Amino acid sequence: VQAARRLDRFLAGIEAYPRHPYRRELETPSALWSAGTTRLLDYRAGGAALPLLVVPSLINRAYVLDLTPRRTLVRWLAGRGFQPFLVDWDAPGPEERGFDLTGYIARRLEPALDAVIAACGRPPAVIGYCMGGLLALALALRRAQDIAGLACLATPWDFHAEAPARAQLLGAAAAVFEPTLALLGELPVDLIQLLFATVDPLQAPRKFAAFASLDPDSEAAVEFVALEDWLNDGVPLAAPVARECLVGWYGGNTVGRGAWRVDGAIVDPAAYRGPTLIVLPARDRIVPPASAAALAAAMPHAQRLEPHSGHIGMVVGGAAEAKLYAPLAGWLSDLPARPRRRPRPVALHRR
């Protein structure tokens, strides 16, 4: 009987979700710079404090960091005087389908960094979220003199720190997906969603059953739909990146073993000596805390922030302002001023 009731609540939530009237209405700001399908969104609100280059994951839309008027890290930071610029990767275009991670870092993140320096006249702090934290670290190692500080939020490092068998299984999935990768030049969104579902197969029944019990007009219901819309609005992953992540990161733990290379150089976190903040959400199911803690251990000079939050709740949950936004802003405010640098020539809009 209880199983039947749980199933009924789950199905009621599934049916109620598409009928909910919420639609995202936040206006996307203009782009400071673009190349291919990548844009650098300008969230400045008139402040003159530290510039920020914010780097999200490649496999989800960037607007999780600008989800709703009440849950937006980048607009909150802009309201405190910082100058945030958010990297919007979008889906791979014809050029990006040939990119590996080196391509994204050298041909997208580095020019984006140059655009920020040209616009603001000084080095920014770089904030990387999830997979974006690894890209941000690689960028920081390549361009340390052009960066005021590095913050890695829920960033994996040792992919075999917890459940190594599951990580290796994800690595083995690359062989199964290879015909699709070869045909399309990318890993489709549906297959990425399937991989994420293996982390917690019962999450969907739990969350939709809980949604069915909410008042549709409540803030909680609106925020559920906003987040679920974002989760379902994924982007494919370029085939070379998919192979590098699945076979290398998950299957072979190249990152945790110190074998991951960008443009031929080992990505060694200990080699970055600038100010660093590692954020380790204690309830993270997507990036196991032990995986992220390995990055902090590899950077003994780094400061740690350990909110009692989940991977996504850390940035959009009800306690996000107190547990992440405000402490992050405090750390950013304490960064020592870096000398102004002459920016490299950069085309602000290149197609």
Protein backbone atom coordinates (compact mmCIF):
# COMPACT_ATOMS: atom_id res chain seq x y z
CA VAL A 1 0.00 0.00 0.00
CA GLN A 2 2.76 2.44 0.90
CA ALA A 3 4.54 1.65 -2.36
CA ALA A 4 1.37 2.40 -4.30
CA ARG A 5 0.96 5.72 -2.48
CA ARG A 6 4.54 6.71 -3.20
CA LEU A 7 4.04 5.86 -6.85
CA ASP A 8 0.83 7.91 -6.95
CA ARG A 9 2.60 10.94 -5.46
CA PHE A 10 5.48 10.56 -7.89
CA LEU A 11 3.11 10.41 -10.88
CA ALA A 12 1.13 13.36 -9.52
CA GLY A 13 4.34 15.40 -9.35
CA ILE A 14 5.34 14.39 -12.87
CA GLU A 15 1.93 15.51 -14.17
CA ALA A 16 1.94 18.78 -12.23
CA TYR A 17 5.40 19.89 -13.34
CA PRO A 18 4.67 20.75 -17.01
CA ARG A 19 1.38 22.43 -16.03
CA HIS A 20 3.04 24.86 -13.62
CA PRO A 21 2.80 28.45 -14.92
CA TYR A 22 6.38 29.45 -14.05
CA ARG A 23 8.50 30.55 -17.00
CA ARG A 24 11.97 32.04 -16.73
CA GLU A 25 11.76 35.80 -17.26
CA LEU A 26 15.20 37.04 -16.16
CA GLU A 27 16.75 38.96 -19.04
CA THR A 28 20.11 37.67 -20.22
CA PRO A 29 22.65 40.53 -20.18
CA SER A 30 24.65 41.55 -23.22
CA ALA A 31 27.88 39.79 -24.13
CA LEU A 32 31.20 41.53 -23.64
CA TRP A 33 32.91 39.03 -25.93
CA SER A 34 32.05 35.97 -27.96
CA ALA A 35 33.73 33.31 -30.07
CA GLY A 36 31.96 30.42 -31.76
CA THR A 37 29.06 29.49 -29.50
CA THR A 38 30.72 30.81 -26.32
CA ARG A 39 29.70 34.19 -24.88
CA LEU A 40 30.97 36.21 -21.95
CA LEU A 41 27.90 37.72 -20.28
CA ASP A 42 28.41 41.11 -18.62
CA TYR A 43 26.64 41.31 -15.25
CA ARG A 44 28.20 44.57 -14.10
CA ALA A 45 25.78 46.87 -12.30
CA GLY A 46 27.87 50.00 -12.02
CA GLY A 47 30.25 48.81 -9.30
CA ALA A 48 33.99 49.29 -9.52
CA ALA A 49 35.18 46.52 -7.21
CA LEU A 50 37.11 43.45 -8.26
CA PRO A 51 36.27 41.94 -11.68
CA LEU A 52 35.18 38.30 -11.60
CA LEU A 53 35.45 35.70 -14.36
CA VAL A 54 32.88 33.01 -13.46
CA VAL A 55 33.33 29.61 -15.13
CA PRO A 56 30.49 27.04 -14.98
CA SER A 57 30.51 23.43 -16.11
CA LEU A 58 30.46 22.56 -19.79
CA ILE A 59 27.52 20.16 -19.43
CA ASN A 60 24.88 22.44 -17.92
CA ARG A 61 23.58 25.87 -18.81
CA ALA A 62 25.39 28.73 -17.09
CA TYR A 63 22.20 30.27 -15.71
CA VAL A 64 22.17 28.04 -12.65
CA LEU A 65 24.31 30.90 -11.32
CA ASP A 66 21.52 33.32 -12.32
CA LEU A 67 18.49 31.13 -11.78
CA THR A 68 15.77 33.42 -10.36
CA PRO A 69 15.66 36.95 -8.93
CA ARG A 70 16.03 35.42 -5.45
CA ARG A 71 18.64 32.80 -6.37
CA THR A 72 21.39 34.41 -8.42
CA LEU A 73 25.02 34.37 -7.37
CA VAL A 74 26.26 36.64 -10.16
CA ARG A 75 23.62 39.36 -9.68
CA TRP A 76 24.08 39.21 -5.90
CA LEU A 77 27.82 39.79 -6.30
CA ALA A 78 27.16 42.60 -8.79
CA GLY A 79 24.88 44.22 -6.22
CA ARG A 80 27.83 44.27 -3.79
CA GLY A 81 29.99 46.23 -6.24
CA PHE A 82 31.88 43.39 -7.91
CA GLN A 83 32.12 43.20 -11.70
CA PRO A 84 31.01 39.67 -12.66
CA PHE A 85 31.36 38.17 -16.13
CA LEU A 86 29.76 34.75 -16.66
CA VAL A 87 31.03 32.32 -19.30
CA ASP A 88 28.06 30.96 -21.26
CA TRP A 89 29.39 27.92 -23.15
CA ASP A 90 26.15 26.99 -24.96
CA ALA A 91 26.08 23.85 -27.12
CA PRO A 92 29.18 23.01 -29.17
CA GLY A 93 29.13 24.52 -32.64
CA PRO A 94 31.10 23.31 -35.68
CA GLU A 95 34.38 24.58 -34.22
CA GLU A 96 33.80 23.43 -30.64
CA ARG A 97 32.93 19.88 -31.72
CA GLY A 98 36.62 19.47 -32.43
CA PHE A 99 37.71 20.87 -29.07
CA ASP A 100 39.25 18.87 -26.31
CA LEU A 101 39.62 20.52 -22.89
CA THR A 102 42.79 22.27 -24.03
CA GLY A 103 40.78 23.84 -26.84
CA TYR A 104 38.18 25.22 -24.45
CA ILE A 105 40.81 26.57 -22.07
CA ALA A 106 43.25 28.03 -24.60
CA ARG A 107 40.77 29.18 -27.26
CA ARG A 108 37.83 30.24 -25.13
CA LEU A 109 38.79 30.89 -21.50
CA GLU A 110 42.07 32.68 -22.22
CA PRO A 111 40.52 35.15 -24.70
CA ALA A 112 37.62 35.65 -22.26
CA LEU A 113 40.16 36.50 -19.55
CA ASP A 114 41.83 38.97 -21.90
CA ALA A 115 38.45 40.57 -22.62
CA VAL A 116 37.81 41.09 -18.89
CA ILE A 117 41.25 42.63 -18.36
CA ALA A 118 40.73 44.92 -21.37
CA ALA A 119 37.30 46.01 -20.08
CA CYS A 120 38.25 46.50 -16.42
CA GLY A 121 41.94 47.34 -16.59
CA ARG A 122 43.02 44.82 -13.97
CA PRO A 123 43.19 41.09 -13.32
CA PRO A 124 39.98 39.41 -12.17
CA ALA A 125 39.43 36.70 -9.64
CA VAL A 126 38.36 33.47 -11.32
CA ILE A 127 35.48 31.45 -9.85
CA GLY A 128 34.93 27.93 -11.16
CA TYR A 129 31.88 25.79 -10.34
CA CYS A 130 31.99 21.98 -10.53
CA MET A 131 33.75 20.96 -13.77
CA GLY A 132 34.31 24.67 -14.33
CA GLY A 133 36.60 24.65 -11.30
CA LEU A 134 38.99 22.31 -13.10
CA LEU A 135 38.96 24.54 -16.17
CA ALA A 136 39.51 27.58 -13.94
CA LEU A 137 42.47 25.90 -12.22
CA ALA A 138 44.07 25.07 -15.55
CA LEU A 139 43.56 28.68 -16.64
CA ALA A 140 45.08 29.96 -13.40
CA LEU A 141 48.18 27.83 -13.89
CA ARG A 142 48.61 29.12 -17.44
CA ARG A 143 47.93 32.77 -16.62
CA ALA A 144 48.81 33.19 -12.94
CA GLN A 145 50.05 36.78 -13.35
CA ASP A 146 46.72 37.80 -14.85
CA ILE A 147 44.55 36.44 -12.03
CA ALA A 148 43.86 38.03 -8.64
CA GLY A 149 42.68 34.81 -7.00
CA LEU A 150 41.04 31.46 -7.65
CA ALA A 151 37.86 30.06 -6.08
CA CYS A 152 36.87 26.45 -6.83
CA LEU A 153 33.28 25.61 -5.85
CA ALA A 154 32.41 21.90 -5.49
CA THR A 155 35.26 20.97 -7.82
CA PRO A 156 36.17 17.28 -8.22
CA TRP A 157 39.78 16.16 -8.06
CA ASP A 158 40.21 12.53 -7.02
CA PHE A 159 37.56 10.76 -9.11
CA HIS A 160 38.26 7.46 -7.35
CA ALA A 161 38.10 8.83 -3.80
CA GLU A 162 34.61 7.40 -3.28
CA ALA A 163 32.90 4.62 -5.25
CA PRO A 164 35.82 3.97 -7.61
CA ALA A 165 33.97 1.08 -9.24
CA ARG A 166 31.16 3.42 -10.30
CA ALA A 167 33.68 5.91 -11.70
CA GLN A 168 35.37 3.16 -13.69
CA LEU A 169 31.98 2.03 -14.96
CA LEU A 170 31.40 5.56 -16.28
CA GLY A 171 34.80 5.35 -17.94
CA ALA A 172 33.81 2.11 -19.61
CA ALA A 173 30.62 3.75 -20.90
CA ALA A 174 32.74 5.71 -23.38
CA ALA A 175 33.22 2.55 -25.45
CA VAL A 176 29.46 1.99 -25.54
CA PHE A 177 28.88 5.58 -26.61
CA GLU A 178 31.70 5.65 -29.17
CA PRO A 179 29.49 5.02 -32.25
CA THR A 180 27.30 7.97 -31.20
CA LEU A 181 30.33 10.17 -30.53
CA ALA A 182 31.82 9.32 -33.91
CA LEU A 183 28.54 9.90 -35.75
CA LEU A 184 27.40 13.13 -34.06
CA GLY A 185 30.69 14.61 -32.89
CA GLU A 186 29.15 15.10 -29.44
CA LEU A 187 27.63 13.27 -26.48
CA PRO A 188 23.87 14.02 -26.57
CA VAL A 189 22.03 15.50 -23.61
CA ASP A 190 19.90 12.38 -23.08
CA LEU A 191 23.00 10.22 -22.58
CA ILE A 192 24.51 12.76 -20.19
CA GLN A 193 21.26 12.72 -18.19
CA LEU A 194 21.41 8.93 -18.11
CA LEU A 195 24.91 9.04 -16.64
CA PHE A 196 23.83 11.50 -13.95
CA ALA A 197 20.84 9.32 -13.09
CA THR A 198 23.19 6.50 -12.11
CA VAL A 199 24.52 8.62 -9.24
CA ASP A 200 21.17 8.50 -7.39
CA PRO A 201 18.52 6.47 -9.27
CA LEU A 202 15.83 7.22 -6.68
CA GLN A 203 16.26 10.99 -6.70
CA ALA A 204 13.56 11.63 -9.33
CA PRO A 205 10.81 9.70 -7.49
CA ARG A 206 11.69 11.46 -4.24
CA LYS A 207 11.75 14.98 -5.59
CA PHE A 208 8.61 14.74 -7.72
CA ALA A 209 6.67 13.11 -4.90
CA ALA A 210 7.70 16.03 -2.67
CA PHE A 211 6.73 18.53 -5.39
CA ALA A 212 3.23 17.01 -5.59
CA SER A 213 2.59 18.04 -1.99
CA LEU A 214 3.57 21.71 -2.49
CA ASP A 215 1.15 24.59 -2.96
CA PRO A 216 1.64 25.49 -6.66
CA ASP A 217 1.66 29.18 -5.74
CA SER A 218 4.35 28.78 -3.11
CA GLU A 219 7.90 30.06 -3.52
CA ALA A 220 9.13 26.51 -2.97
CA ALA A 221 7.09 25.24 -5.94
CA VAL A 222 8.32 28.05 -8.18
CA GLU A 223 11.93 27.38 -7.24
CA PHE A 224 11.47 23.64 -7.84
CA VAL A 225 10.18 24.29 -11.36
CA ALA A 226 12.92 26.83 -12.08
CA LEU A 227 15.60 24.37 -11.07
CA GLU A 228 13.97 21.44 -12.86
CA ASP A 229 13.68 23.51 -16.04
CA TRP A 230 17.42 24.20 -15.79
CA LEU A 231 18.23 20.52 -15.19
CA ASN A 232 16.25 19.60 -18.31
CA ASP A 233 17.88 22.34 -20.40
CA GLY A 234 21.26 20.68 -20.79
CA VAL A 235 23.75 20.90 -23.61
CA PRO A 236 25.69 18.15 -25.39
CA LEU A 237 29.39 17.63 -24.79
CA ALA A 238 31.93 17.77 -27.61
CA ALA A 239 33.12 14.26 -28.42
CA PRO A 240 36.82 14.85 -27.61
CA VAL A 241 35.83 16.35 -24.25
CA ALA A 242 33.47 13.45 -23.53
CA ARG A 243 36.27 10.96 -24.20
CA GLU A 244 38.76 12.94 -22.11
CA CYS A 245 36.37 13.15 -19.16
CA LEU A 246 34.88 9.65 -19.24
CA VAL A 247 37.99 7.66 -20.15
CA GLY A 248 40.55 9.92 -18.50
CA TRP A 249 38.93 11.60 -15.52
CA TYR A 250 36.49 8.87 -14.47
CA GLY A 251 38.02 5.69 -15.85
CA GLY A 252 41.69 6.44 -15.31
CA ASN A 253 41.49 9.13 -12.60
CA THR A 254 44.04 11.16 -14.56
CA VAL A 255 43.21 14.25 -12.51
CA GLY A 256 43.66 12.68 -9.09
CA ARG A 257 46.79 10.79 -10.20
CA GLY A 258 48.46 13.98 -11.41
CA ALA A 259 48.38 12.82 -15.03
CA TRP A 260 45.86 15.26 -16.55
CA ARG A 261 47.56 17.49 -19.10
CA VAL A 262 46.42 20.70 -20.74
CA ASP A 263 48.40 21.68 -23.82
CA GLY A 264 50.99 19.09 -22.82
CA ALA A 265 51.55 20.43 -19.29
CA ILE A 266 50.52 18.58 -16.13
CA VAL A 267 47.76 20.36 -14.21
CA ASP A 268 49.44 20.54 -10.80
CA PRO A 269 47.34 22.45 -8.25
CA ALA A 270 50.30 22.86 -5.91
CA ALA A 271 52.01 24.93 -8.60
CA TYR A 272 49.42 27.70 -8.29
CA ARG A 273 50.54 29.93 -5.43
CA GLY A 274 47.97 32.72 -5.71
CA PRO A 275 45.15 33.23 -3.19
CA THR A 276 42.80 30.26 -3.36
CA LEU A 277 39.44 29.33 -1.86
CA ILE A 278 38.17 25.75 -2.00
CA VAL A 279 34.44 25.35 -1.29
CA LEU A 280 33.52 21.85 -0.12
CA PRO A 281 29.73 21.33 0.28
CA ALA A 282 29.33 18.61 2.89
CA ARG A 283 26.15 17.09 1.39
CA ASP A 284 27.33 16.95 -2.22
CA ARG A 285 26.12 13.83 -4.07
CA ILE A 286 27.39 14.85 -7.50
CA VAL A 287 30.98 15.61 -6.46
CA PRO A 288 31.71 13.43 -3.41
CA PRO A 289 33.23 15.53 -0.61
CA ALA A 290 36.29 13.29 -0.52
CA SER A 291 36.93 14.01 -4.20
CA ALA A 292 36.81 17.77 -3.69
CA ALA A 293 38.76 17.54 -0.43
CA ALA A 294 41.63 15.97 -2.38
CA LEU A 295 41.98 19.26 -4.28
CA ALA A 296 42.14 21.19 -1.02
CA ALA A 297 44.78 18.77 0.26
CA ALA A 298 46.82 19.34 -2.89
CA MET A 299 46.72 23.11 -2.26
CA PRO A 300 47.74 23.41 1.42
CA HIS A 301 47.89 27.21 1.19
CA ALA A 302 44.23 27.40 0.14
CA GLN A 303 41.45 28.56 2.43
CA ARG A 304 38.50 26.23 2.88
CA LEU A 305 34.79 26.90 3.13
CA GLU A 306 32.63 23.88 4.05
CA PRO A 307 28.92 24.77 3.87
CA HIS A 308 26.42 22.14 5.00
CA SER A 309 24.84 22.13 1.55
CA GLY A 310 24.39 19.99 -1.52
CA HIS A 311 26.07 20.46 -4.88
CA ILE A 312 23.29 22.57 -6.40
CA GLY A 313 21.67 23.77 -3.20
CA MET A 314 24.93 25.46 -2.35
CA VAL A 315 24.36 27.98 -5.16
CA VAL A 316 20.53 28.16 -5.36
CA GLY A 317 19.21 26.88 -2.04
CA GLY A 318 17.39 28.91 0.57
CA ALA A 319 20.54 29.27 2.65
CA ALA A 320 22.86 30.00 -0.30
CA GLU A 321 23.31 33.67 0.57
CA ALA A 322 24.41 32.93 4.12
CA LYS A 323 26.43 29.80 3.39
CA LEU A 324 28.11 30.72 0.10
CA TYR A 325 27.39 34.19 -1.31
CA ALA A 326 28.39 36.22 1.74
CA PRO A 327 31.50 34.20 2.71
CA LEU A 328 32.66 34.19 -0.92
CA ALA A 329 32.18 37.97 -1.14
CA GLY A 330 34.16 38.39 2.07
CA TRP A 331 37.04 36.34 0.69
CA LEU A 332 36.98 38.27 -2.60
CA SER A 333 37.00 41.59 -0.74
CA ASP A 334 40.15 40.58 1.15
CA LEU A 335 42.15 39.70 -1.96
CA PRO A 336 45.27 41.84 -2.31
CA ALA A 337 45.19 44.34 -5.16
CA ARG A 338 47.07 43.15 -8.23
CA PRO A 339 48.89 45.67 -10.43
CA ARG A 340 47.10 46.77 -13.52
CA ARG A 341 48.31 44.87 -16.57
CA ARG A 342 48.40 45.82 -20.20
CA PRO A 343 45.79 43.57 -21.81
CA ARG A 344 46.55 41.44 -24.80
CA PRO A 345 44.79 42.50 -27.99
CA VAL A 346 41.34 40.91 -28.06
CA ALA A 347 38.43 40.94 -30.47
CA LEU A 348 35.37 41.60 -28.34
CA HIS A 349 33.02 39.84 -30.76
CA ARG A 350 34.43 37.19 -33.03
CA ARG A 351 32.34 34.74 -35.01
